[in-house]
């Protein structure tokens, strides 16, 4: 939207970089592993919503709820035994975002 500020730019650079990693890898991971890991569809949706919340300005209660949902969906970012490097990178990025936001 024209003229809308992006509050994600005010977040630590590590969060911005982690979202870049997620935006690159998560759609690929879902496409490749989605049949075996149907939770990836919701992981992607929740991740997109979290990014949107941060871009609009941090709503702490919503951010907390989204992080809790991601922890539950990913079993605390546990990497499955059949995970490819992209899958590992995506979950590592999610874990980093969670750790930083939870400490704020």
C-alpha atoms as a PDB file:
ATOM      1  CA  UNK A   1       0.000   0.000   0.000  1.00  0.00           C
ATOM      2  CA  UNK A   2       1.385   3.419  -0.971  1.00  0.00           C
ATOM      3  CA  UNK A   3       2.686   5.455   1.918  1.00  0.00           C
ATOM      4  CA  UNK A   4       2.425   2.635   4.433  1.00  0.00           C
ATOM      5  CA  UNK A   5       5.460   2.296   6.643  1.00  0.00           C
ATOM      6  CA  UNK A   6       7.047  -1.083   7.093  1.00  0.00           C
ATOM      7  CA  UNK A   7       7.773  -1.621  10.792  1.00  0.00           C
ATOM      8  CA  UNK A   8       9.706  -4.816  10.011  1.00  0.00           C
ATOM      9  CA  UNK A   9      12.517  -2.478   8.926  1.00  0.00           C
ATOM     10  CA  UNK A  10      12.759  -1.391  12.584  1.00  0.00           C
ATOM     11  CA  UNK A  11      13.273  -4.973  13.756  1.00  0.00           C
ATOM     12  CA  UNK A  12      16.781  -6.335  14.276  1.00  0.00           C
ATOM     13  CA  UNK A  13      18.614  -7.138  11.028  1.00  0.00           C
ATOM     14  CA  UNK A  14      18.741 -10.805  12.032  1.00  0.00           C
ATOM     15  CA  UNK A  15      14.920 -10.971  11.958  1.00  0.00           C
ATOM     16  CA  UNK A  16      14.840  -9.281   8.571  1.00  0.00           C
ATOM     17  CA  UNK A  17      17.417 -11.749   7.231  1.00  0.00           C
ATOM     18  CA  UNK A  18      15.531 -14.694   8.723  1.00  0.00           C
ATOM     19  CA  UNK A  19      12.349 -13.619   6.933  1.00  0.00           C
ATOM     20  CA  UNK A  20      14.308 -13.353   3.666  1.00  0.00           C
ATOM     21  CA  UNK A  21      15.480 -16.925   4.216  1.00  0.00           C
ATOM     22  CA  UNK A  22      11.937 -18.077   4.969  1.00  0.00           C
ATOM     23  CA  UNK A  23      10.479 -16.314   1.943  1.00  0.00           C
ATOM     24  CA  UNK A  24      13.076 -18.062  -0.211  1.00  0.00           C
ATOM     25  CA  UNK A  25      12.956 -21.570   1.248  1.00  0.00           C
ATOM     26  CA  UNK A  26       9.569 -22.183   2.867  1.00  0.00           C
ATOM     27  CA  UNK A  27       7.506 -22.280  -0.370  1.00  0.00           C
ATOM     28  CA  UNK A  28      10.011 -24.747  -1.879  1.00  0.00           C
ATOM     29  CA  UNK A  29      10.035 -26.877   1.247  1.00  0.00           C
ATOM     30  CA  UNK A  30       6.227 -26.975   1.279  1.00  0.00           C
ATOM     31  CA  UNK A  31       6.146 -27.987  -2.383  1.00  0.00           C
ATOM     32  CA  UNK A  32       8.706 -30.774  -1.940  1.00  0.00           C
ATOM     33  CA  UNK A  33       7.791 -32.058   1.529  1.00  0.00           C
ATOM     34  CA  UNK A  34       4.145 -30.990   1.836  1.00  0.00           C
ATOM     35  CA  UNK A  35       2.708 -34.430   1.118  1.00  0.00           C
ATOM     36  CA  UNK A  36       4.716 -36.002   3.959  1.00  0.00           C
ATOM     37  CA  UNK A  37       4.448 -32.958   6.213  1.00  0.00           C
ATOM     38  CA  UNK A  38       1.000 -31.380   5.746  1.00  0.00           C
ATOM     39  CA  UNK A  39       1.662 -29.008   8.664  1.00  0.00           C
ATOM     40  CA  UNK A  40       3.938 -27.023   6.340  1.00  0.00           C
ATOM     41  CA  UNK A  41       0.911 -25.382   4.730  1.00  0.00           C
ATOM     42  CA  UNK A  42      -0.120 -23.895   8.060  1.00  0.00           C
ATOM     43  CA  UNK A  43       3.496 -23.121   9.004  1.00  0.00           C
ATOM     44  CA  UNK A  44       3.723 -21.012   5.854  1.00  0.00           C
ATOM     45  CA  UNK A  45       0.397 -19.289   6.561  1.00  0.00           C
ATOM     46  CA  UNK A  46       1.307 -18.479  10.173  1.00  0.00           C
ATOM     47  CA  UNK A  47       4.758 -17.279   9.107  1.00  0.00           C
ATOM     48  CA  UNK A  48       3.212 -14.956   6.525  1.00  0.00           C
ATOM     49  CA  UNK A  49       0.796 -13.634   9.138  1.00  0.00           C
ATOM     50  CA  UNK A  50       3.642 -13.067  11.606  1.00  0.00           C
ATOM     51  CA  UNK A  51       5.568 -11.129   8.990  1.00  0.00           C
ATOM     52  CA  UNK A  52       2.475  -9.030   8.222  1.00  0.00           C
ATOM     53  CA  UNK A  53       1.949  -8.273  11.933  1.00  0.00           C
ATOM     54  CA  UNK A  54       5.559  -7.148  12.259  1.00  0.00           C
ATOM     55  CA  UNK A  55       5.310  -5.037   9.102  1.00  0.00           C
ATOM     56  CA  UNK A  56       2.179  -3.321  10.461  1.00  0.00           C
ATOM     57  CA  UNK A  57       3.708  -2.675  13.873  1.00  0.00           C
ATOM     58  CA  UNK A  58       4.254  -5.182  16.611  1.00  0.00           C
ATOM     59  CA  UNK A  59       1.077  -6.347  18.344  1.00  0.00           C
ATOM     60  CA  UNK A  60       2.613  -8.242  21.224  1.00  0.00           C
ATOM     61  CA  UNK A  61      -0.387 -10.431  22.002  1.00  0.00           C
ATOM     62  CA  UNK A  62      -0.826 -11.446  18.351  1.00  0.00           C
ATOM     63  CA  UNK A  63       2.920 -12.018  17.906  1.00  0.00           C
ATOM     64  CA  UNK A  64       2.993 -14.215  21.012  1.00  0.00           C
ATOM     65  CA  UNK A  65       0.020 -16.252  19.781  1.00  0.00           C
ATOM     66  CA  UNK A  66       1.567 -16.741  16.348  1.00  0.00           C
ATOM     67  CA  UNK A  67       4.897 -17.838  17.819  1.00  0.00           C
ATOM     68  CA  UNK A  68       3.095 -20.317  20.077  1.00  0.00           C
ATOM     69  CA  UNK A  69       1.247 -21.681  17.052  1.00  0.00           C
ATOM     70  CA  UNK A  70       4.529 -22.095  15.160  1.00  0.00           C
ATOM     71  CA  UNK A  71       6.110 -23.899  18.116  1.00  0.00           C
ATOM     72  CA  UNK A  72       3.185 -26.311  18.240  1.00  0.00           C
ATOM     73  CA  UNK A  73       3.122 -26.928  14.483  1.00  0.00           C
ATOM     74  CA  UNK A  74       6.867 -27.531  14.270  1.00  0.00           C
ATOM     75  CA  UNK A  75       7.261 -29.362  17.576  1.00  0.00           C
ATOM     76  CA  UNK A  76       9.538 -26.541  18.765  1.00  0.00           C
ATOM     77  CA  UNK A  77      11.319 -26.353  15.399  1.00  0.00           C
ATOM     78  CA  UNK A  78      12.390 -29.988  15.479  1.00  0.00           C
ATOM     79  CA  UNK A  79      13.937 -30.878  12.137  1.00  0.00           C
ATOM     80  CA  UNK A  80      12.420 -34.062  10.675  1.00  0.00           C
ATOM     81  CA  UNK A  81      14.738 -36.916   9.742  1.00  0.00           C
ATOM     82  CA  UNK A  82      13.841 -36.539   6.041  1.00  0.00           C
ATOM     83  CA  UNK A  83      14.566 -32.795   5.979  1.00  0.00           C
ATOM     84  CA  UNK A  84      16.607 -31.380   3.111  1.00  0.00           C
ATOM     85  CA  UNK A  85      19.014 -28.464   3.649  1.00  0.00           C
ATOM     86  CA  UNK A  86      16.301 -25.941   2.682  1.00  0.00           C
ATOM     87  CA  UNK A  87      13.955 -27.444   5.301  1.00  0.00           C
ATOM     88  CA  UNK A  88      16.706 -27.156   7.925  1.00  0.00           C
ATOM     89  CA  UNK A  89      17.424 -23.548   6.953  1.00  0.00           C
ATOM     90  CA  UNK A  90      13.729 -22.637   7.135  1.00  0.00           C
ATOM     91  CA  UNK A  91      13.279 -24.124  10.611  1.00  0.00           C
ATOM     92  CA  UNK A  92      16.532 -22.536  11.804  1.00  0.00           C
ATOM     93  CA  UNK A  93      15.245 -19.146  10.584  1.00  0.00           C
ATOM     94  CA  UNK A  94      11.918 -19.678  12.369  1.00  0.00           C
ATOM     95  CA  UNK A  95      13.730 -20.619  15.556  1.00  0.00           C
ATOM     96  CA  UNK A  96      15.909 -17.497  15.355  1.00  0.00           C
ATOM     97  CA  UNK A  97      12.896 -15.240  14.829  1.00  0.00           C
ATOM     98  CA  UNK A  98      11.151 -16.858  17.791  1.00  0.00           C
ATOM     99  CA  UNK A  99      14.192 -16.490  20.061  1.00  0.00           C
ATOM    100  CA  UNK A 100      14.700 -12.822  19.228  1.00  0.00           C
ATOM    101  CA  UNK A 101      11.032 -11.835  19.456  1.00  0.00           C
ATOM    102  CA  UNK A 102      10.552 -13.784  22.676  1.00  0.00           C
ATOM    103  CA  UNK A 103      13.473 -11.919  24.249  1.00  0.00           C
ATOM    104  CA  UNK A 104      12.116  -8.476  23.300  1.00  0.00           C
END
